[in-house]
């Protein structure tokens, strides 16, 4: 699955969501950092990302950087196939 749009109306611009985390040196001291929400494609699934700079507690804490992708309620949920069965890469 390609993830890109921040807003449902935006055009597909290449098939990837680029999340730049500014001030990484300061923000990495936080337990977790959340992205803004975005859509997988026009009329697609609404998502957001969460980064745990030191790993998710109870699993890799202090040894890994963990990234999680969350599905959110979106404007087009009624017309999308459920359950969500796409790869997020």
PDB file of N, CA and C in Angstrom:
ATOM      1  N   UNK A   1       0.838  -1.163   0.000  1.00  0.00           N
ATOM      2  CA  UNK A   1       0.000   0.000   0.000  1.00  0.00           C
ATOM      3  C   UNK A   1       0.890   1.236   0.000  1.00  0.00           C
ATOM      4  N   UNK A   2       0.552   2.200  -0.758  1.00  0.00           N
ATOM      5  CA  UNK A   2       1.284   3.462  -0.792  1.00  0.00           C
ATOM      6  C   UNK A   2       0.588   4.437   0.139  1.00  0.00           C
ATOM      7  N   UNK A   3       1.344   5.202   0.882  1.00  0.00           N
ATOM      8  CA  UNK A   3       0.747   6.204   1.756  1.00  0.00           C
ATOM      9  C   UNK A   3       1.298   7.558   1.374  1.00  0.00           C
ATOM     10  N   UNK A   4       0.394   8.545   1.233  1.00  0.00           N
ATOM     11  CA  UNK A   4       0.882   9.834   0.796  1.00  0.00           C
ATOM     12  C   UNK A   4       0.111  11.018   1.334  1.00  0.00           C
ATOM     13  N   UNK A   5      -1.153  11.117   1.061  1.00  0.00           N
ATOM     14  CA  UNK A   5      -1.862  12.358   1.245  1.00  0.00           C
ATOM     15  C   UNK A   5      -2.122  12.733   2.690  1.00  0.00           C
ATOM     16  N   UNK A   6      -1.911  14.010   2.980  1.00  0.00           N
ATOM     17  CA  UNK A   6      -2.280  14.530   4.289  1.00  0.00           C
ATOM     18  C   UNK A   6      -3.777  14.834   4.295  1.00  0.00           C
ATOM     19  N   UNK A   7      -4.266  15.372   3.177  1.00  0.00           N
ATOM     20  CA  UNK A   7      -5.689  15.660   3.043  1.00  0.00           C
ATOM     21  C   UNK A   7      -6.270  14.797   1.939  1.00  0.00           C
ATOM     22  N   UNK A   8      -7.526  14.416   2.085  1.00  0.00           N
ATOM     23  CA  UNK A   8      -8.161  13.519   1.125  1.00  0.00           C
ATOM     24  C   UNK A   8      -8.175  14.114  -0.276  1.00  0.00           C
ATOM     25  N   UNK A   9      -8.218  15.430  -0.381  1.00  0.00           N
ATOM     26  CA  UNK A   9      -8.329  16.081  -1.678  1.00  0.00           C
ATOM     27  C   UNK A   9      -6.987  16.206  -2.402  1.00  0.00           C
ATOM     28  N   UNK A  10      -5.868  16.006  -1.729  1.00  0.00           N
ATOM     29  CA  UNK A  10      -4.568  16.177  -2.362  1.00  0.00           C
ATOM     30  C   UNK A  10      -4.330  15.133  -3.433  1.00  0.00           C
ATOM     31  N   UNK A  11      -3.600  15.521  -4.469  1.00  0.00           N
ATOM     32  CA  UNK A  11      -3.259  14.589  -5.545  1.00  0.00           C
ATOM     33  C   UNK A  11      -2.136  13.660  -5.106  1.00  0.00           C
ATOM     34  N   UNK A  12      -2.107  12.465  -5.669  1.00  0.00           N
ATOM     35  CA  UNK A  12      -1.038  11.510  -5.383  1.00  0.00           C
ATOM     36  C   UNK A  12       0.251  12.036  -5.985  1.00  0.00           C
ATOM     37  N   UNK A  13       1.279  12.164  -5.175  1.00  0.00           N
ATOM     38  CA  UNK A  13       2.535  12.764  -5.627  1.00  0.00           C
ATOM     39  C   UNK A  13       3.700  11.787  -5.564  1.00  0.00           C
ATOM     40  N   UNK A  14       3.491  10.530  -5.889  1.00  0.00           N
ATOM     41  CA  UNK A  14       4.606   9.606  -5.945  1.00  0.00           C
ATOM     42  C   UNK A  14       4.511   8.390  -5.058  1.00  0.00           C
ATOM     43  N   UNK A  15       3.516   8.293  -4.207  1.00  0.00           N
ATOM     44  CA  UNK A  15       3.280   7.060  -3.478  1.00  0.00           C
ATOM     45  C   UNK A  15       4.018   6.874  -2.184  1.00  0.00           C
ATOM     46  N   UNK A  16       4.416   7.932  -1.486  1.00  0.00           N
ATOM     47  CA  UNK A  16       5.068   7.753  -0.205  1.00  0.00           C
ATOM     48  C   UNK A  16       4.737   8.866   0.751  1.00  0.00           C
ATOM     49  N   UNK A  17       4.667   8.538   2.025  1.00  0.00           N
ATOM     50  CA  UNK A  17       4.467   9.557   3.055  1.00  0.00           C
ATOM     51  C   UNK A  17       5.836   9.887   3.624  1.00  0.00           C
ATOM     52  N   UNK A  18       6.250  11.132   3.505  1.00  0.00           N
ATOM     53  CA  UNK A  18       7.538  11.566   4.028  1.00  0.00           C
ATOM     54  C   UNK A  18       7.268  12.379   5.290  1.00  0.00           C
ATOM     55  N   UNK A  19       7.802  11.896   6.393  1.00  0.00           N
ATOM     56  CA  UNK A  19       7.618  12.569   7.669  1.00  0.00           C
ATOM     57  C   UNK A  19       8.981  13.032   8.146  1.00  0.00           C
ATOM     58  N   UNK A  20       9.199  14.316   8.087  1.00  0.00           N
ATOM     59  CA  UNK A  20      10.449  14.891   8.566  1.00  0.00           C
ATOM     60  C   UNK A  20      10.249  15.289  10.023  1.00  0.00           C
ATOM     61  N   UNK A  21      11.065  14.760  10.901  1.00  0.00           N
ATOM     62  CA  UNK A  21      10.976  15.096  12.325  1.00  0.00           C
ATOM     63  C   UNK A  21      12.028  16.154  12.619  1.00  0.00           C
ATOM     64  N   UNK A  22      11.584  17.402  12.664  1.00  0.00           N
ATOM     65  CA  UNK A  22      12.490  18.508  12.966  1.00  0.00           C
ATOM     66  C   UNK A  22      12.894  18.463  14.435  1.00  0.00           C
ATOM     67  N   UNK A  23      14.045  19.002  14.737  1.00  0.00           N
ATOM     68  CA  UNK A  23      14.578  19.068  16.104  1.00  0.00           C
ATOM     69  C   UNK A  23      14.672  17.669  16.728  1.00  0.00           C
ATOM     70  N   UNK A  24      15.183  16.723  15.946  1.00  0.00           N
ATOM     71  CA  UNK A  24      15.287  15.335  16.389  1.00  0.00           C
ATOM     72  C   UNK A  24      16.062  15.203  17.694  1.00  0.00           C
ATOM     73  N   UNK A  25      17.141  15.955  17.852  1.00  0.00           N
ATOM     74  CA  UNK A  25      17.962  15.838  19.063  1.00  0.00           C
ATOM     75  C   UNK A  25      17.129  16.080  20.317  1.00  0.00           C
ATOM     76  N   UNK A  26      16.224  17.052  20.257  1.00  0.00           N
ATOM     77  CA  UNK A  26      15.369  17.331  21.413  1.00  0.00           C
ATOM     78  C   UNK A  26      14.194  16.359  21.501  1.00  0.00           C
ATOM     79  N   UNK A  27      13.553  16.096  20.368  1.00  0.00           N
ATOM     80  CA  UNK A  27      12.352  15.258  20.384  1.00  0.00           C
ATOM     81  C   UNK A  27      12.655  13.805  20.719  1.00  0.00           C
ATOM     82  N   UNK A  28      13.854  13.336  20.423  1.00  0.00           N
ATOM     83  CA  UNK A  28      14.158  11.927  20.708  1.00  0.00           C
ATOM     84  C   UNK A  28      14.220  11.642  22.203  1.00  0.00           C
ATOM     85  N   UNK A  29      14.223  12.681  23.009  1.00  0.00           N
ATOM     86  CA  UNK A  29      14.205  12.513  24.464  1.00  0.00           C
ATOM     87  C   UNK A  29      12.797  12.163  24.966  1.00  0.00           C
ATOM     88  N   UNK A  30      11.778  12.349  24.104  1.00  0.00           N
ATOM     89  CA  UNK A  30      10.397  12.027  24.469  1.00  0.00           C
ATOM     90  C   UNK A  30      10.192  10.514  24.375  1.00  0.00           C
ATOM     91  N   UNK A  31       9.202  10.014  25.097  1.00  0.00           N
ATOM     92  CA  UNK A  31       8.881   8.584  25.014  1.00  0.00           C
ATOM     93  C   UNK A  31       8.388   8.207  23.631  1.00  0.00           C
ATOM     94  N   UNK A  32       7.543   9.081  23.020  1.00  0.00           N
ATOM     95  CA  UNK A  32       7.046   8.811  21.670  1.00  0.00           C
ATOM     96  C   UNK A  32       6.785  10.126  20.937  1.00  0.00           C
ATOM     97  N   UNK A  33       6.759  10.043  19.602  1.00  0.00           N
ATOM     98  CA  UNK A  33       6.528  11.193  18.736  1.00  0.00           C
ATOM     99  C   UNK A  33       5.467  10.778  17.726  1.00  0.00           C
ATOM    100  N   UNK A  34       4.417  11.600  17.552  1.00  0.00           N
ATOM    101  CA  UNK A  34       3.327  11.292  16.627  1.00  0.00           C
ATOM    102  C   UNK A  34       3.376  12.179  15.388  1.00  0.00           C
ATOM    103  N   UNK A  35       3.084  11.584  14.229  1.00  0.00           N
ATOM    104  CA  UNK A  35       2.973  12.350  12.990  1.00  0.00           C
ATOM    105  C   UNK A  35       1.589  12.988  12.929  1.00  0.00           C
ATOM    106  N   UNK A  36       1.417  13.871  11.945  1.00  0.00           N
ATOM    107  CA  UNK A  36       0.092  14.364  11.628  1.00  0.00           C
ATOM    108  C   UNK A  36      -0.647  13.226  10.920  1.00  0.00           C
ATOM    109  N   UNK A  37      -1.955  13.278  10.902  1.00  0.00           N
ATOM    110  CA  UNK A  37      -2.704  12.250  10.187  1.00  0.00           C
ATOM    111  C   UNK A  37      -2.576  12.481   8.679  1.00  0.00           C
ATOM    112  N   UNK A  38      -2.743  11.400   7.910  1.00  0.00           N
ATOM    113  CA  UNK A  38      -2.651  11.467   6.454  1.00  0.00           C
ATOM    114  C   UNK A  38      -3.524  10.366   5.869  1.00  0.00           C
ATOM    115  N   UNK A  39      -3.773  10.451   4.570  1.00  0.00           N
ATOM    116  CA  UNK A  39      -4.588   9.446   3.877  1.00  0.00           C
ATOM    117  C   UNK A  39      -3.709   8.606   2.976  1.00  0.00           C
ATOM    118  N   UNK A  40      -4.035   7.327   2.854  1.00  0.00           N
ATOM    119  CA  UNK A  40      -3.253   6.392   2.050  1.00  0.00           C
ATOM    120  C   UNK A  40      -3.328   6.733   0.567  1.00  0.00           C
ATOM    121  N   UNK A  41      -4.435   7.262   0.118  1.00  0.00           N
ATOM    122  CA  UNK A  41      -4.652   7.643  -1.270  1.00  0.00           C
ATOM    123  C   UNK A  41      -5.951   8.440  -1.315  1.00  0.00           C
ATOM    124  N   UNK A  42      -6.304   8.988  -2.486  1.00  0.00           N
ATOM    125  CA  UNK A  42      -7.561   9.713  -2.621  1.00  0.00           C
ATOM    126  C   UNK A  42      -8.699   8.790  -2.228  1.00  0.00           C
ATOM    127  N   UNK A  43      -9.563   9.271  -1.350  1.00  0.00           N
ATOM    128  CA  UNK A  43     -10.674   8.483  -0.807  1.00  0.00           C
ATOM    129  C   UNK A  43     -10.182   7.233  -0.079  1.00  0.00           C
ATOM    130  N   UNK A  44      -8.999   7.327   0.542  1.00  0.00           N
ATOM    131  CA  UNK A  44      -8.374   6.176   1.178  1.00  0.00           C
ATOM    132  C   UNK A  44      -8.506   6.145   2.685  1.00  0.00           C
ATOM    133  N   UNK A  45      -7.664   5.306   3.276  1.00  0.00           N
ATOM    134  CA  UNK A  45      -7.642   5.089   4.717  1.00  0.00           C
ATOM    135  C   UNK A  45      -6.901   6.227   5.420  1.00  0.00           C
ATOM    136  N   UNK A  46      -7.434   6.680   6.539  1.00  0.00           N
ATOM    137  CA  UNK A  46      -6.779   7.708   7.332  1.00  0.00           C
ATOM    138  C   UNK A  46      -5.835   7.019   8.315  1.00  0.00           C
ATOM    139  N   UNK A  47      -4.607   7.533   8.425  1.00  0.00           N
ATOM    140  CA  UNK A  47      -3.578   6.907   9.255  1.00  0.00           C
ATOM    141  C   UNK A  47      -2.743   7.958   9.977  1.00  0.00           C
ATOM    142  N   UNK A  48      -1.970   7.495  10.932  1.00  0.00           N
ATOM    143  CA  UNK A  48      -0.890   8.314  11.491  1.00  0.00           C
ATOM    144  C   UNK A  48       0.202   7.377  11.993  1.00  0.00           C
ATOM    145  N   UNK A  49       1.400   7.927  12.137  1.00  0.00           N
ATOM    146  CA  UNK A  49       2.562   7.155  12.577  1.00  0.00           C
ATOM    147  C   UNK A  49       2.974   7.573  13.976  1.00  0.00           C
ATOM    148  N   UNK A  50       3.559   6.634  14.710  1.00  0.00           N
ATOM    149  CA  UNK A  50       4.120   6.928  16.033  1.00  0.00           C
ATOM    150  C   UNK A  50       5.499   6.289  16.103  1.00  0.00           C
ATOM    151  N   UNK A  51       6.474   7.091  16.542  1.00  0.00           N
ATOM    152  CA  UNK A  51       7.855   6.627  16.704  1.00  0.00           C
ATOM    153  C   UNK A  51       8.191   6.611  18.189  1.00  0.00           C
ATOM    154  N   UNK A  52       8.774   5.505  18.620  1.00  0.00           N
ATOM    155  CA  UNK A  52       9.339   5.398  19.964  1.00  0.00           C
ATOM    156  C   UNK A  52      10.851   5.404  19.778  1.00  0.00           C
ATOM    157  N   UNK A  53      11.519   6.550  20.024  1.00  0.00           N
ATOM    158  CA  UNK A  53      12.962   6.657  19.748  1.00  0.00           C
ATOM    159  C   UNK A  53      13.824   5.626  20.466  1.00  0.00           C
ATOM    160  N   UNK A  54      13.381   5.146  21.612  1.00  0.00           N
ATOM    161  CA  UNK A  54      14.177   4.168  22.375  1.00  0.00           C
ATOM    162  C   UNK A  54      13.513   2.804  22.412  1.00  0.00           C
ATOM    163  N   UNK A  55      12.614   2.546  21.453  1.00  0.00           N
ATOM    164  CA  UNK A  55      11.911   1.275  21.421  1.00  0.00           C
ATOM    165  C   UNK A  55      10.628   1.352  22.221  1.00  0.00           C
ATOM    166  N   UNK A  56       9.703   0.458  21.891  1.00  0.00           N
ATOM    167  CA  UNK A  56       8.435   0.403  22.610  1.00  0.00           C
ATOM    168  C   UNK A  56       8.669  -0.207  23.985  1.00  0.00           C
ATOM    169  N   UNK A  57       8.108   0.404  25.029  1.00  0.00           N
ATOM    170  CA  UNK A  57       8.263  -0.181  26.363  1.00  0.00           C
ATOM    171  C   UNK A  57       7.844  -1.657  26.377  1.00  0.00           C
ATOM    172  N   UNK A  58       8.579  -2.460  27.062  1.00  0.00           N
ATOM    173  CA  UNK A  58       8.365  -3.907  27.211  1.00  0.00           C
ATOM    174  C   UNK A  58       8.812  -4.703  25.985  1.00  0.00           C
ATOM    175  N   UNK A  59       9.314  -4.026  24.954  1.00  0.00           N
ATOM    176  CA  UNK A  59       9.728  -4.758  23.752  1.00  0.00           C
ATOM    177  C   UNK A  59      10.804  -3.939  23.030  1.00  0.00           C
ATOM    178  N   UNK A  60      12.050  -4.174  23.342  1.00  0.00           N
ATOM    179  CA  UNK A  60      13.127  -3.469  22.665  1.00  0.00           C
ATOM    180  C   UNK A  60      13.515  -2.148  23.291  1.00  0.00           C
ATOM    181  N   UNK A  61      13.023  -1.865  24.492  1.00  0.00           N
ATOM    182  CA  UNK A  61      13.329  -0.581  25.142  1.00  0.00           C
ATOM    183  C   UNK A  61      14.835  -0.421  25.299  1.00  0.00           C
ATOM    184  N   UNK A  62      15.352   0.691  24.788  1.00  0.00           N
ATOM    185  CA  UNK A  62      16.769   1.002  24.916  1.00  0.00           C
ATOM    186  C   UNK A  62      17.654   0.359  23.869  1.00  0.00           C
ATOM    187  N   UNK A  63      17.089  -0.497  23.022  1.00  0.00           N
ATOM    188  CA  UNK A  63      17.896  -1.175  22.006  1.00  0.00           C
ATOM    189  C   UNK A  63      17.388  -0.978  20.584  1.00  0.00           C
ATOM    190  N   UNK A  64      16.175  -0.461  20.419  1.00  0.00           N
ATOM    191  CA  UNK A  64      15.568  -0.319  19.100  1.00  0.00           C
ATOM    192  C   UNK A  64      14.866   1.026  18.954  1.00  0.00           C
ATOM    193  N   UNK A  65      14.655   1.449  17.718  1.00  0.00           N
ATOM    194  CA  UNK A  65      13.727   2.518  17.383  1.00  0.00           C
ATOM    195  C   UNK A  65      12.490   1.813  16.834  1.00  0.00           C
ATOM    196  N   UNK A  66      11.319   2.090  17.397  1.00  0.00           N
ATOM    197  CA  UNK A  66      10.085   1.414  16.977  1.00  0.00           C
ATOM    198  C   UNK A  66       9.174   2.390  16.247  1.00  0.00           C
ATOM    199  N   UNK A  67       8.562   1.938  15.145  1.00  0.00           N
ATOM    200  CA  UNK A  67       7.624   2.750  14.367  1.00  0.00           C
ATOM    201  C   UNK A  67       6.327   1.967  14.220  1.00  0.00           C
ATOM    202  N   UNK A  68       5.210   2.610  14.552  1.00  0.00           N
ATOM    203  CA  UNK A  68       3.897   1.984  14.447  1.00  0.00           C
ATOM    204  C   UNK A  68       3.006   2.826  13.549  1.00  0.00           C
ATOM    205  N   UNK A  69       2.163   2.154  12.782  1.00  0.00           N
ATOM    206  CA  UNK A  69       1.194   2.801  11.901  1.00  0.00           C
ATOM    207  C   UNK A  69      -0.199   2.509  12.453  1.00  0.00           C
ATOM    208  N   UNK A  70      -0.999   3.545  12.643  1.00  0.00           N
ATOM    209  CA  UNK A  70      -2.341   3.411  13.201  1.00  0.00           C
ATOM    210  C   UNK A  70      -3.391   3.794  12.176  1.00  0.00           C
ATOM    211  N   UNK A  71      -4.457   3.017  12.096  1.00  0.00           N
ATOM    212  CA  UNK A  71      -5.628   3.391  11.309  1.00  0.00           C
ATOM    213  C   UNK A  71      -6.524   4.262  12.172  1.00  0.00           C
ATOM    214  N   UNK A  72      -7.133   5.267  11.538  1.00  0.00           N
ATOM    215  CA  UNK A  72      -8.023   6.178  12.244  1.00  0.00           C
ATOM    216  C   UNK A  72      -9.370   6.216  11.526  1.00  0.00           C
ATOM    217  N   UNK A  73     -10.378   6.718  12.187  1.00  0.00           N
ATOM    218  CA  UNK A  73     -11.655   6.936  11.502  1.00  0.00           C
ATOM    219  C   UNK A  73     -11.441   8.013  10.449  1.00  0.00           C
ATOM    220  N   UNK A  74     -11.891   7.736   9.224  1.00  0.00           N
ATOM    221  CA  UNK A  74     -11.708   8.677   8.130  1.00  0.00           C
ATOM    222  C   UNK A  74     -13.008   9.006   7.429  1.00  0.00           C
ATOM    223  N   UNK A  75     -12.926   9.965   6.512  1.00  0.00           N
ATOM    224  CA  UNK A  75     -14.104  10.449   5.802  1.00  0.00           C
ATOM    225  C   UNK A  75     -14.692   9.410   4.844  1.00  0.00           C
ATOM    226  N   UNK A  76     -13.910   8.473   4.380  1.00  0.00           N
ATOM    227  CA  UNK A  76     -14.375   7.528   3.355  1.00  0.00           C
ATOM    228  C   UNK A  76     -14.516   6.102   3.865  1.00  0.00           C
ATOM    229  N   UNK A  77     -14.561   5.911   5.165  1.00  0.00           N
ATOM    230  CA  UNK A  77     -14.623   4.562   5.729  1.00  0.00           C
ATOM    231  C   UNK A  77     -15.803   3.749   5.190  1.00  0.00           C
ATOM    232  N   UNK A  78     -16.914   4.411   4.894  1.00  0.00           N
ATOM    233  CA  UNK A  78     -18.106   3.702   4.425  1.00  0.00           C
ATOM    234  C   UNK A  78     -17.920   3.046   3.061  1.00  0.00           C
ATOM    235  N   UNK A  79     -16.985   3.552   2.255  1.00  0.00           N
ATOM    236  CA  UNK A  79     -16.807   3.008   0.908  1.00  0.00           C
ATOM    237  C   UNK A  79     -15.543   2.152   0.778  1.00  0.00           C
ATOM    238  N   UNK A  80     -14.776   2.028   1.854  1.00  0.00           N
ATOM    239  CA  UNK A  80     -13.533   1.253   1.819  1.00  0.00           C
ATOM    240  C   UNK A  80     -13.774  -0.197   2.220  1.00  0.00           C
ATOM    241  N   UNK A  81     -12.981  -1.125   1.669  1.00  0.00           N
ATOM    242  CA  UNK A  81     -13.112  -2.520   2.089  1.00  0.00           C
ATOM    243  C   UNK A  81     -12.531  -2.737   3.496  1.00  0.00           C
ATOM    244  N   UNK A  82     -13.257  -3.459   4.310  1.00  0.00           N
ATOM    245  CA  UNK A  82     -12.839  -3.802   5.665  1.00  0.00           C
ATOM    246  C   UNK A  82     -12.967  -5.301   5.850  1.00  0.00           C
ATOM    247  N   UNK A  83     -12.125  -5.931   6.601  1.00  0.00           N
ATOM    248  CA  UNK A  83     -11.010  -5.338   7.355  1.00  0.00           C
ATOM    249  C   UNK A  83      -9.877  -4.890   6.428  1.00  0.00           C
ATOM    250  N   UNK A  84      -9.033  -4.030   6.944  1.00  0.00           N
ATOM    251  CA  UNK A  84      -7.874  -3.519   6.246  1.00  0.00           C
ATOM    252  C   UNK A  84      -6.903  -4.675   6.020  1.00  0.00           C
ATOM    253  N   UNK A  85      -6.570  -4.952   4.753  1.00  0.00           N
ATOM    254  CA  UNK A  85      -5.712  -6.105   4.440  1.00  0.00           C
ATOM    255  C   UNK A  85      -4.548  -5.710   3.528  1.00  0.00           C
ATOM    256  N   UNK A  86      -4.013  -4.526   3.699  1.00  0.00           N
ATOM    257  CA  UNK A  86      -2.933  -4.040   2.844  1.00  0.00           C
ATOM    258  C   UNK A  86      -1.591  -4.074   3.558  1.00  0.00           C
ATOM    259  N   UNK A  87      -0.531  -4.152   2.790  1.00  0.00           N
ATOM    260  CA  UNK A  87       0.812  -4.028   3.350  1.00  0.00           C
ATOM    261  C   UNK A  87       1.142  -2.566   3.507  1.00  0.00           C
ATOM    262  N   UNK A  88       1.818  -2.224   4.567  1.00  0.00           N
ATOM    263  CA  UNK A  88       2.343  -0.879   4.779  1.00  0.00           C
ATOM    264  C   UNK A  88       3.848  -1.029   4.827  1.00  0.00           C
ATOM    265  N   UNK A  89       4.513  -0.465   3.832  1.00  0.00           N
ATOM    266  CA  UNK A  89       5.975  -0.637   3.747  1.00  0.00           C
ATOM    267  C   UNK A  89       6.678   0.688   3.684  1.00  0.00           C
TER     268      UNK A  89
END
